[in-house]
Amino acid sequence: MIDQDFIQMIEKCKQDAQKDLPNIRILIDGFITQKSTDKITIEHTLDTLLDYALLEVGEEEFKRLHKYYESVNKNNADFYWRSYHDMLGL
C-alpha cells in the first residue's frame, strides 16, 4: 500500500512543476527567437522537463524544445527523445 505522505509529496512536486511551466515557456521562447545554440542551458532545460514528464507535466514544452534542439544538435536531441520514450515506456 502506498503511503499517504508519499502521495502528498508527489502531488506537491507536481504542483510546483506546474507553477514553473510559465517560466520554462518564456525560456523556450527565448531559445527559439534568439536562435540559441547554448547546449548547456538547453540541455539543462530538457533535463528539467524530463523530470517533469514523470509527473505528467510539461509534455508540450518538452516536445517543443526538443524539436528546436534538433536543429541545433541532432545527435543530442535524439538522445533526449530516446530518454523521454524510455522514461515513459513508449
C-alpha atoms as a PDB file:
ATOM      1  CA  MET A   1       0.000   0.000   0.000  1.00  0.00           C
ATOM      2  CA  ILE A   2       1.289   3.455  -0.913  1.00  0.00           C
ATOM      3  CA  ASP A   3       1.884   5.780   1.997  1.00  0.00           C
ATOM      4  CA  GLN A   4      -0.397   8.832   2.051  1.00  0.00           C
ATOM      5  CA  ASP A   5       2.553  11.124   2.870  1.00  0.00           C
ATOM      6  CA  PHE A   6       4.319   9.894  -0.259  1.00  0.00           C
ATOM      7  CA  ILE A   7       1.256  10.622  -2.393  1.00  0.00           C
ATOM      8  CA  GLN A   8       1.031  14.126  -0.933  1.00  0.00           C
ATOM      9  CA  MET A   9       4.728  14.709  -1.636  1.00  0.00           C
ATOM     10  CA  ILE A  10       4.270  13.679  -5.278  1.00  0.00           C
ATOM     11  CA  GLU A  11       1.250  15.962  -5.621  1.00  0.00           C
ATOM     12  CA  LYS A  12       3.266  18.861  -4.157  1.00  0.00           C
ATOM     13  CA  CYS A  13       6.071  18.195  -6.658  1.00  0.00           C
ATOM     14  CA  LYS A  14       3.535  18.147  -9.479  1.00  0.00           C
ATOM     15  CA  GLN A  15       2.015  21.455  -8.342  1.00  0.00           C
ATOM     16  CA  ASP A  16       5.477  23.042  -8.112  1.00  0.00           C
ATOM     17  CA  ALA A  17       6.332  21.807 -11.610  1.00  0.00           C
ATOM     18  CA  GLN A  18       3.091  23.250 -12.988  1.00  0.00           C
ATOM     19  CA  LYS A  19       3.870  26.602 -11.359  1.00  0.00           C
ATOM     20  CA  ASP A  20       7.296  26.591 -13.023  1.00  0.00           C
ATOM     21  CA  LEU A  21       5.947  25.965 -16.554  1.00  0.00           C
ATOM     22  CA  PRO A  22       5.258  29.636 -17.433  1.00  0.00           C
ATOM     23  CA  ASN A  23       8.926  30.451 -16.761  1.00  0.00           C
ATOM     24  CA  ILE A  24      10.061  27.474 -18.801  1.00  0.00           C
ATOM     25  CA  ARG A  25       7.825  28.569 -21.696  1.00  0.00           C
ATOM     26  CA  ILE A  26       9.459  32.009 -21.599  1.00  0.00           C
ATOM     27  CA  LEU A  27      12.888  30.375 -21.595  1.00  0.00           C
ATOM     28  CA  ILE A  28      11.972  28.172 -24.580  1.00  0.00           C
ATOM     29  CA  ASP A  29      10.565  31.183 -26.447  1.00  0.00           C
ATOM     30  CA  GLY A  30      13.883  32.929 -25.858  1.00  0.00           C
ATOM     31  CA  PHE A  31      15.911  29.981 -27.159  1.00  0.00           C
ATOM     32  CA  ILE A  32      13.833  29.907 -30.317  1.00  0.00           C
ATOM     33  CA  THR A  33      13.595  33.639 -31.040  1.00  0.00           C
ATOM     34  CA  GLN A  34      17.280  34.222 -30.292  1.00  0.00           C
ATOM     35  CA  LYS A  35      18.286  31.061 -32.177  1.00  0.00           C
ATOM     36  CA  SER A  36      20.289  29.980 -29.144  1.00  0.00           C
ATOM     37  CA  THR A  37      22.927  27.295 -29.531  1.00  0.00           C
ATOM     38  CA  ASP A  38      23.724  27.238 -25.787  1.00  0.00           C
ATOM     39  CA  LYS A  39      23.937  23.475 -25.384  1.00  0.00           C
ATOM     40  CA  ILE A  40      24.345  23.578 -21.612  1.00  0.00           C
ATOM     41  CA  THR A  41      21.284  25.719 -20.910  1.00  0.00           C
ATOM     42  CA  ILE A  42      19.089  23.973 -23.470  1.00  0.00           C
ATOM     43  CA  GLU A  43      20.039  20.545 -22.150  1.00  0.00           C
ATOM     44  CA  HIS A  44      19.532  21.659 -18.552  1.00  0.00           C
ATOM     45  CA  THR A  45      16.014  22.728 -19.532  1.00  0.00           C
ATOM     46  CA  LEU A  46      15.404  19.422 -21.322  1.00  0.00           C
ATOM     47  CA  ASP A  47      16.643  17.573 -18.203  1.00  0.00           C
ATOM     48  CA  THR A  48      14.183  19.532 -16.067  1.00  0.00           C
ATOM     49  CA  LEU A  49      11.365  18.734 -18.479  1.00  0.00           C
ATOM     50  CA  LEU A  50      12.299  15.040 -18.408  1.00  0.00           C
ATOM     51  CA  ASP A  51      11.941  15.157 -14.629  1.00  0.00           C
ATOM     52  CA  TYR A  52       8.567  16.847 -15.016  1.00  0.00           C
ATOM     53  CA  ALA A  53       7.452  14.215 -17.530  1.00  0.00           C
ATOM     54  CA  LEU A  54       7.468  11.640 -14.744  1.00  0.00           C
ATOM     55  CA  LEU A  55       4.896  13.870 -13.032  1.00  0.00           C
ATOM     56  CA  GLU A  56       2.876  14.139 -16.259  1.00  0.00           C
ATOM     57  CA  VAL A  57       3.743  17.835 -16.557  1.00  0.00           C
ATOM     58  CA  GLY A  58       5.341  19.746 -19.434  1.00  0.00           C
ATOM     59  CA  GLU A  59       4.938  17.308 -22.316  1.00  0.00           C
ATOM     60  CA  GLU A  60       4.130  20.061 -24.816  1.00  0.00           C
ATOM     61  CA  GLU A  61       7.097  22.132 -23.647  1.00  0.00           C
ATOM     62  CA  PHE A  62       9.470  19.161 -23.865  1.00  0.00           C
ATOM     63  CA  LYS A  63       8.362  18.365 -27.400  1.00  0.00           C
ATOM     64  CA  ARG A  64       8.636  21.996 -28.490  1.00  0.00           C
ATOM     65  CA  LEU A  65      12.149  22.438 -27.109  1.00  0.00           C
ATOM     66  CA  HIS A  66      13.214  19.050 -28.447  1.00  0.00           C
ATOM     67  CA  LYS A  67      12.022  19.985 -31.928  1.00  0.00           C
ATOM     68  CA  TYR A  68      14.042  23.203 -31.782  1.00  0.00           C
ATOM     69  CA  TYR A  69      17.105  21.424 -30.377  1.00  0.00           C
ATOM     70  CA  GLU A  70      17.080  19.025 -33.335  1.00  0.00           C
ATOM     71  CA  SER A  71      18.054  21.990 -35.495  1.00  0.00           C
ATOM     72  CA  VAL A  72      20.925  22.820 -33.135  1.00  0.00           C
ATOM     73  CA  ASN A  73      22.313  19.413 -32.217  1.00  0.00           C
ATOM     74  CA  LYS A  74      20.555  16.446 -33.849  1.00  0.00           C
ATOM     75  CA  ASN A  75      22.592  13.742 -32.088  1.00  0.00           C
ATOM     76  CA  ASN A  76      21.974  15.103 -28.605  1.00  0.00           C
ATOM     77  CA  ALA A  77      18.327  15.819 -29.415  1.00  0.00           C
ATOM     78  CA  ASP A  78      17.931  12.181 -30.451  1.00  0.00           C
ATOM     79  CA  PHE A  79      19.368  11.115 -27.084  1.00  0.00           C
ATOM     80  CA  TYR A  80      16.739  13.212 -25.294  1.00  0.00           C
ATOM     81  CA  TRP A  81      13.962  11.798 -27.454  1.00  0.00           C
ATOM     82  CA  ARG A  82      15.038   8.228 -26.659  1.00  0.00           C
ATOM     83  CA  SER A  83      15.320   9.102 -22.962  1.00  0.00           C
ATOM     84  CA  TYR A  84      11.839  10.594 -22.998  1.00  0.00           C
ATOM     85  CA  HIS A  85      10.370   7.481 -24.589  1.00  0.00           C
ATOM     86  CA  ASP A  86      12.290   5.152 -22.285  1.00  0.00           C
ATOM     87  CA  MET A  87      11.184   7.022 -19.164  1.00  0.00           C
ATOM     88  CA  LEU A  88       7.537   6.954 -20.170  1.00  0.00           C
ATOM     89  CA  GLY A  89       7.633   3.415 -21.536  1.00  0.00           C
ATOM     90  CA  LEU A  90       6.564   4.489 -25.011  1.00  0.00           C
END
